[in-house]
Amino acid sequence: MFHYYGRKKKSTIIDVLKSKVITTQIFKRDDKDYQLSIERLKIGRDRVNNLEAQKILKRMIRYKGREINNSVDVQDYMIAKFAMPYDYIKHYLPSTMHQIKDWYDDVNEHFQVYHRTLAIDRYVQHPNATLDTLKKLIDWHPSFKPSNVSVEKAALQGHIEIIQYLDTNYPLHLPLHIPLHLDQHHIYSLNTFHNAAKSGCLELVKFIWSSPRFDQQGAKSHLAIYGAIENEHLQVVEWLYKHAPSTQHAADQWSFSGMELACQNDHLDVIQSLDKHKSTISAGAIYTLCA
């Protein structure tokens, strides 16, 4: 007996957008909306067996594009939490601000500016952020200015292209060093430098260190070299020993030696490099290897 099942229907973008994962994780339409719809229909969750009632329920919890556009949550989740590509999120972003008609609209505009800036600021910090999408988001919201935290966390992700772009276009808005140096325009914080070393992006470490707006003399901290050691970034460790002696000296003065940290994480290449540079072999390092 021959059975003909026909061709399987191809999925469309509509089918994708109807996916529960997309609906709940991206658009954040969760069980609260579902429960609210059930209450409106005055039927219990266990009694949703009627097909017509199910169709009504699905229509009530489904959002159209123009409704999504007005949601601050969607902008926040698409841009900040998931760092989705601009070619996708552009369909859900409002093209312009609401027109200002009275004092209430003025407050509303400030609210929009704040949330758009915050979303892009958080996008910069995301591990999946790209320079291309960032540029398009800034075109969408030209009044964006990066915060101290966003640049520091972008360094932790090794986003050298993004940081170079921000350095060129927003030199006065990058993180300040310490109040004492405000008049000397030292704008790259130690945290940014530490995070760059921790990320393992050697080019970013070099870029920040060589910047005229970074205080090399004030970079007397062990955290940069320890971050590179802990994450087994051998090239960064070698470069810091050669070009940033102040960080190496600070590390040698710290009670918890870099050698001990390398031994603790079983990083043989780093251990050999530290030994070559005459790093202190503490009792703690030997104990860690023997444990």
Protein backbone atom coordinates (compact mmCIF):
# COMPACT_ATOMS: atom_id res chain seq x y z
CA MET A 1 0.00 0.00 0.00
CA PHE A 2 1.41 3.35 -1.03
CA HIS A 3 1.15 6.37 1.22
CA TYR A 4 1.81 9.85 -0.10
CA TYR A 5 2.59 12.39 2.56
CA GLY A 6 3.45 15.28 0.29
CA ARG A 7 6.21 17.78 0.69
CA LYS A 8 7.09 19.06 4.10
CA LYS A 9 6.11 22.69 4.54
CA LYS A 10 9.08 25.04 4.66
CA SER A 11 9.44 27.25 7.70
CA THR A 12 9.07 30.99 7.20
CA ILE A 13 10.09 33.99 9.29
CA ILE A 14 6.55 34.03 10.68
CA ASP A 15 7.01 30.49 11.96
CA VAL A 16 10.29 31.49 13.57
CA LEU A 17 8.73 34.49 15.30
CA LYS A 18 5.94 32.28 16.62
CA SER A 19 8.48 30.04 18.33
CA LYS A 20 7.99 29.95 22.08
CA VAL A 21 11.75 30.34 22.61
CA ILE A 22 11.82 33.53 20.52
CA THR A 23 8.65 34.82 22.16
CA THR A 24 9.76 34.20 25.73
CA GLN A 25 13.53 34.73 25.56
CA ILE A 26 13.79 37.56 23.01
CA PHE A 27 10.47 39.38 23.28
CA LYS A 28 10.03 38.47 26.96
CA ARG A 29 6.38 37.48 26.60
CA ASP A 30 6.29 34.84 29.30
CA ASP A 31 3.73 32.95 31.37
CA LYS A 32 2.59 36.20 32.99
CA ASP A 33 1.08 37.28 29.65
CA TYR A 34 -0.32 33.78 29.18
CA GLN A 35 -1.89 33.75 32.62
CA LEU A 36 -3.30 37.23 32.14
CA SER A 37 -4.92 36.14 28.88
CA ILE A 38 -6.46 33.11 30.56
CA GLU A 39 -7.90 35.31 33.30
CA ARG A 40 -9.40 37.58 30.65
CA LEU A 41 -11.02 34.60 28.98
CA LYS A 42 -12.23 33.46 32.43
CA ILE A 43 -11.04 29.92 31.88
CA GLY A 44 -8.64 27.89 33.95
CA ARG A 45 -5.27 26.67 32.67
CA ASP A 46 -6.48 23.04 32.90
CA ARG A 47 -9.61 23.81 30.91
CA VAL A 48 -7.98 25.24 27.78
CA ASN A 49 -9.11 22.33 25.60
CA ASN A 50 -11.50 24.12 23.31
CA LEU A 51 -9.76 24.80 19.97
CA GLU A 52 -11.53 28.11 19.47
CA ALA A 53 -10.49 29.26 22.94
CA GLN A 54 -6.89 28.28 22.18
CA LYS A 55 -6.93 30.34 18.98
CA ILE A 56 -8.25 33.36 20.87
CA LEU A 57 -5.60 32.85 23.54
CA LYS A 58 -2.79 32.71 20.98
CA ARG A 59 -4.02 35.89 19.32
CA MET A 60 -4.12 37.68 22.66
CA ILE A 61 -0.53 36.84 23.61
CA ARG A 62 0.92 37.48 20.13
CA TYR A 63 2.40 40.93 19.52
CA LYS A 64 2.54 42.76 16.22
CA GLY A 65 5.65 44.55 15.01
CA ARG A 66 4.33 48.03 15.76
CA GLU A 67 3.57 46.94 19.34
CA ILE A 68 7.04 45.48 19.75
CA ASN A 69 8.61 48.70 18.47
CA ASN A 70 7.25 50.65 21.42
CA SER A 71 8.62 48.24 24.00
CA VAL A 72 11.66 49.41 25.96
CA ASP A 73 12.13 45.82 27.13
CA VAL A 74 12.56 44.55 23.58
CA GLN A 75 15.18 47.19 22.79
CA ASP A 76 16.99 46.26 25.98
CA TYR A 77 16.90 42.51 25.40
CA MET A 78 17.64 42.54 21.67
CA ILE A 79 20.48 45.06 21.92
CA ALA A 80 21.89 44.69 25.42
CA LYS A 81 21.24 41.14 26.57
CA PHE A 82 21.51 39.17 23.32
CA ALA A 83 23.58 41.57 21.15
CA MET A 84 21.61 40.56 18.08
CA PRO A 85 22.81 41.67 14.61
CA TYR A 86 21.52 45.02 13.42
CA ASP A 87 20.06 43.49 10.26
CA TYR A 88 17.61 41.67 12.53
CA ILE A 89 16.87 44.21 15.25
CA LYS A 90 16.43 47.11 12.81
CA HIS A 91 12.94 45.80 12.07
CA TYR A 92 11.92 46.31 15.71
CA LEU A 93 13.52 49.67 16.47
CA PRO A 94 11.44 52.87 16.27
CA SER A 95 12.86 55.12 13.59
CA THR A 96 12.33 58.42 15.41
CA MET A 97 11.58 59.85 18.82
CA HIS A 98 8.01 60.77 19.69
CA GLN A 99 7.27 64.40 18.90
CA ILE A 100 7.43 66.77 21.84
CA LYS A 101 4.14 68.57 22.40
CA ASP A 102 4.11 69.43 26.09
CA TRP A 103 6.07 68.91 29.32
CA TYR A 104 4.95 65.29 29.55
CA ASP A 105 6.36 64.53 26.10
CA ASP A 106 9.59 66.24 27.10
CA VAL A 107 9.93 63.88 30.06
CA ASN A 108 9.08 60.97 27.77
CA GLU A 109 11.84 61.98 25.37
CA HIS A 110 14.41 61.98 28.19
CA PHE A 111 13.14 58.55 29.17
CA GLN A 112 13.66 57.30 25.60
CA VAL A 113 17.15 58.83 25.37
CA TYR A 114 18.16 57.25 28.68
CA HIS A 115 17.00 53.75 27.73
CA ARG A 116 18.48 53.88 24.23
CA THR A 117 21.82 55.05 25.59
CA LEU A 118 21.75 52.39 28.31
CA ALA A 119 20.95 49.64 25.80
CA ILE A 120 23.84 50.61 23.49
CA ASP A 121 26.17 51.07 26.46
CA ARG A 122 25.42 47.53 27.58
CA TYR A 123 25.82 46.29 24.00
CA VAL A 124 29.42 47.53 24.00
CA GLN A 125 30.10 45.29 27.01
CA HIS A 126 28.66 42.16 25.38
CA PRO A 127 31.07 39.41 24.22
CA ASN A 128 29.21 39.18 20.88
CA ALA A 129 29.29 42.92 20.15
CA THR A 130 30.59 43.97 16.73
CA LEU A 131 31.79 47.34 15.48
CA ASP A 132 29.48 47.25 12.45
CA THR A 133 26.33 46.87 14.57
CA LEU A 134 27.59 49.47 17.07
CA LYS A 135 28.05 52.05 14.32
CA LYS A 136 24.53 51.45 13.03
CA LEU A 137 23.09 51.68 16.54
CA ILE A 138 24.86 55.01 17.02
CA ASP A 139 23.42 56.21 13.69
CA TRP A 140 20.01 55.23 15.10
CA HIS A 141 20.74 57.06 18.38
CA PRO A 142 23.34 59.81 17.66
CA SER A 143 23.27 61.27 21.18
CA PHE A 144 24.90 58.12 22.60
CA LYS A 145 27.94 58.63 24.84
CA PRO A 146 29.91 55.68 26.27
CA SER A 147 30.21 55.25 30.02
CA ASN A 148 33.28 54.35 32.06
CA VAL A 149 31.97 50.86 32.80
CA SER A 150 31.18 50.02 29.17
CA VAL A 151 34.74 50.72 27.99
CA GLU A 152 36.27 48.81 30.90
CA LYS A 153 34.09 45.77 30.22
CA ALA A 154 34.65 46.03 26.47
CA ALA A 155 38.36 45.66 27.27
CA LEU A 156 37.57 42.50 29.24
CA GLN A 157 36.04 41.07 26.04
CA GLY A 158 39.07 42.11 23.97
CA HIS A 159 37.00 44.41 21.73
CA ILE A 160 39.95 46.32 20.31
CA GLU A 161 38.10 47.63 17.22
CA ILE A 162 35.25 48.97 19.34
CA ILE A 163 37.59 50.64 21.84
CA GLN A 164 39.66 52.21 19.05
CA TYR A 165 36.46 53.53 17.48
CA LEU A 166 35.28 55.00 20.80
CA ASP A 167 38.75 56.42 21.42
CA THR A 168 38.59 58.27 18.10
CA ASN A 169 35.01 59.50 18.31
CA TYR A 170 34.47 60.00 22.06
CA PRO A 171 37.88 60.93 23.54
CA LEU A 172 36.35 63.04 26.32
CA HIS A 173 33.91 60.37 27.46
CA LEU A 174 36.25 57.45 28.08
CA PRO A 175 36.99 56.43 31.71
CA LEU A 176 39.09 58.87 33.70
CA HIS A 177 42.14 57.66 35.58
CA ILE A 178 42.10 59.25 39.04
CA PRO A 179 41.04 62.77 40.16
CA LEU A 180 44.67 63.82 40.59
CA HIS A 181 45.27 63.43 36.87
CA LEU A 182 42.13 65.02 35.48
CA ASP A 183 44.05 68.08 34.34
CA GLN A 184 46.58 65.85 32.56
CA HIS A 185 43.89 64.09 30.49
CA HIS A 186 44.76 60.56 31.61
CA ILE A 187 41.52 58.97 30.57
CA TYR A 188 42.23 55.24 30.46
CA SER A 189 41.62 53.71 33.86
CA LEU A 190 43.76 50.99 35.37
CA ASN A 191 40.72 48.72 35.22
CA THR A 192 40.65 49.08 31.43
CA PHE A 193 44.32 48.10 31.23
CA HIS A 194 43.89 45.20 33.67
CA ASN A 195 40.90 43.89 31.74
CA ALA A 196 42.76 44.13 28.43
CA ALA A 197 45.57 41.99 29.86
CA LYS A 198 43.07 39.54 31.30
CA SER A 199 41.32 39.20 27.91
CA GLY A 200 44.55 38.12 26.26
CA CYS A 201 44.27 40.65 23.43
CA LEU A 202 47.89 41.76 23.13
CA GLU A 203 47.14 44.45 20.54
CA LEU A 204 44.64 46.03 22.92
CA VAL A 205 47.18 45.97 25.77
CA LYS A 206 49.70 47.70 23.49
CA PHE A 207 47.12 50.23 22.32
CA ILE A 208 46.15 51.33 25.83
CA TRP A 209 49.73 51.32 27.13
CA SER A 210 50.99 53.49 24.26
CA SER A 211 48.06 55.91 24.42
CA PRO A 212 49.11 59.43 25.47
CA ARG A 213 45.99 59.42 27.64
CA PHE A 214 47.18 56.51 29.78
CA ASP A 215 49.32 57.15 32.86
CA GLN A 216 52.13 54.59 32.58
CA GLN A 217 53.82 55.89 35.72
CA GLY A 218 50.65 55.34 37.70
CA ALA A 219 50.21 51.77 36.43
CA LYS A 220 51.98 50.24 39.43
CA SER A 221 49.61 47.36 39.92
CA HIS A 222 50.04 43.60 39.90
CA LEU A 223 46.53 42.96 38.57
CA ALA A 224 47.41 43.26 34.87
CA ILE A 225 50.15 40.66 34.89
CA TYR A 226 48.26 38.43 37.32
CA GLY A 227 45.20 38.50 35.05
CA ALA A 228 47.36 37.41 32.09
CA ILE A 229 49.04 34.68 34.16
CA GLU A 230 45.78 33.32 35.52
CA ASN A 231 44.29 32.99 32.02
CA GLU A 232 47.51 31.60 30.46
CA HIS A 233 48.04 34.48 28.06
CA LEU A 234 51.74 33.86 27.54
CA GLN A 235 52.28 36.57 24.92
CA VAL A 236 50.75 39.20 27.20
CA VAL A 237 52.87 38.02 30.15
CA GLU A 238 56.05 38.23 28.06
CA TRP A 239 55.15 41.69 26.75
CA LEU A 240 54.35 43.08 30.21
CA TYR A 241 57.68 41.84 31.59
CA LYS A 242 59.51 43.50 28.72
CA HIS A 243 57.60 46.75 28.22
CA ALA A 244 55.73 47.40 31.47
CA PRO A 245 58.28 46.83 34.25
CA SER A 246 56.17 48.75 36.76
CA THR A 247 53.52 45.99 36.63
CA GLN A 248 56.17 43.28 37.01
CA HIS A 249 57.75 45.07 39.98
CA ALA A 250 54.36 45.42 41.65
CA ALA A 251 53.72 41.71 41.09
CA ASP A 252 57.05 40.76 42.67
CA GLN A 253 56.22 42.88 45.71
CA TRP A 254 52.83 41.21 46.18
CA SER A 255 52.63 38.41 48.73
CA PHE A 256 50.87 36.01 46.36
CA SER A 257 53.47 35.53 43.63
CA GLY A 258 52.75 35.15 39.93
CA MET A 259 54.67 31.89 40.00
CA GLU A 260 52.31 30.51 42.63
CA LEU A 261 49.32 31.56 40.54
CA ALA A 262 50.74 29.86 37.44
CA CYS A 263 51.46 26.68 39.42
CA GLN A 264 47.97 26.72 40.84
CA ASN A 265 46.53 26.65 37.31
CA ASP A 266 49.10 24.17 35.85
CA HIS A 267 50.27 26.59 33.17
CA LEU A 268 53.68 25.13 32.28
CA ASP A 269 54.50 27.63 29.52
CA VAL A 270 53.81 30.53 31.86
CA ILE A 271 55.84 28.90 34.65
CA GLN A 272 58.82 28.56 32.31
CA SER A 273 58.44 32.18 31.19
CA LEU A 274 58.29 33.45 34.78
CA ASP A 275 61.35 31.38 35.69
CA LYS A 276 63.22 32.89 32.72
CA HIS A 277 62.42 36.34 34.07
CA LYS A 278 63.69 35.39 37.55
CA SER A 279 60.27 35.46 39.16
CA THR A 280 60.25 34.54 42.83
CA ILE A 281 59.65 30.83 43.48
CA SER A 282 57.76 30.94 46.74
CA ALA A 283 57.12 28.12 49.17
CA GLY A 284 53.48 28.36 48.19
CA ALA A 285 54.35 27.66 44.54
CA ILE A 286 56.35 24.54 45.46
CA TYR A 287 53.59 23.36 47.80
CA THR A 288 51.01 23.82 45.04
CA LEU A 289 53.04 21.70 42.60
CA CYS A 290 53.57 18.95 45.18
CA ALA A 291 49.94 18.86 46.34
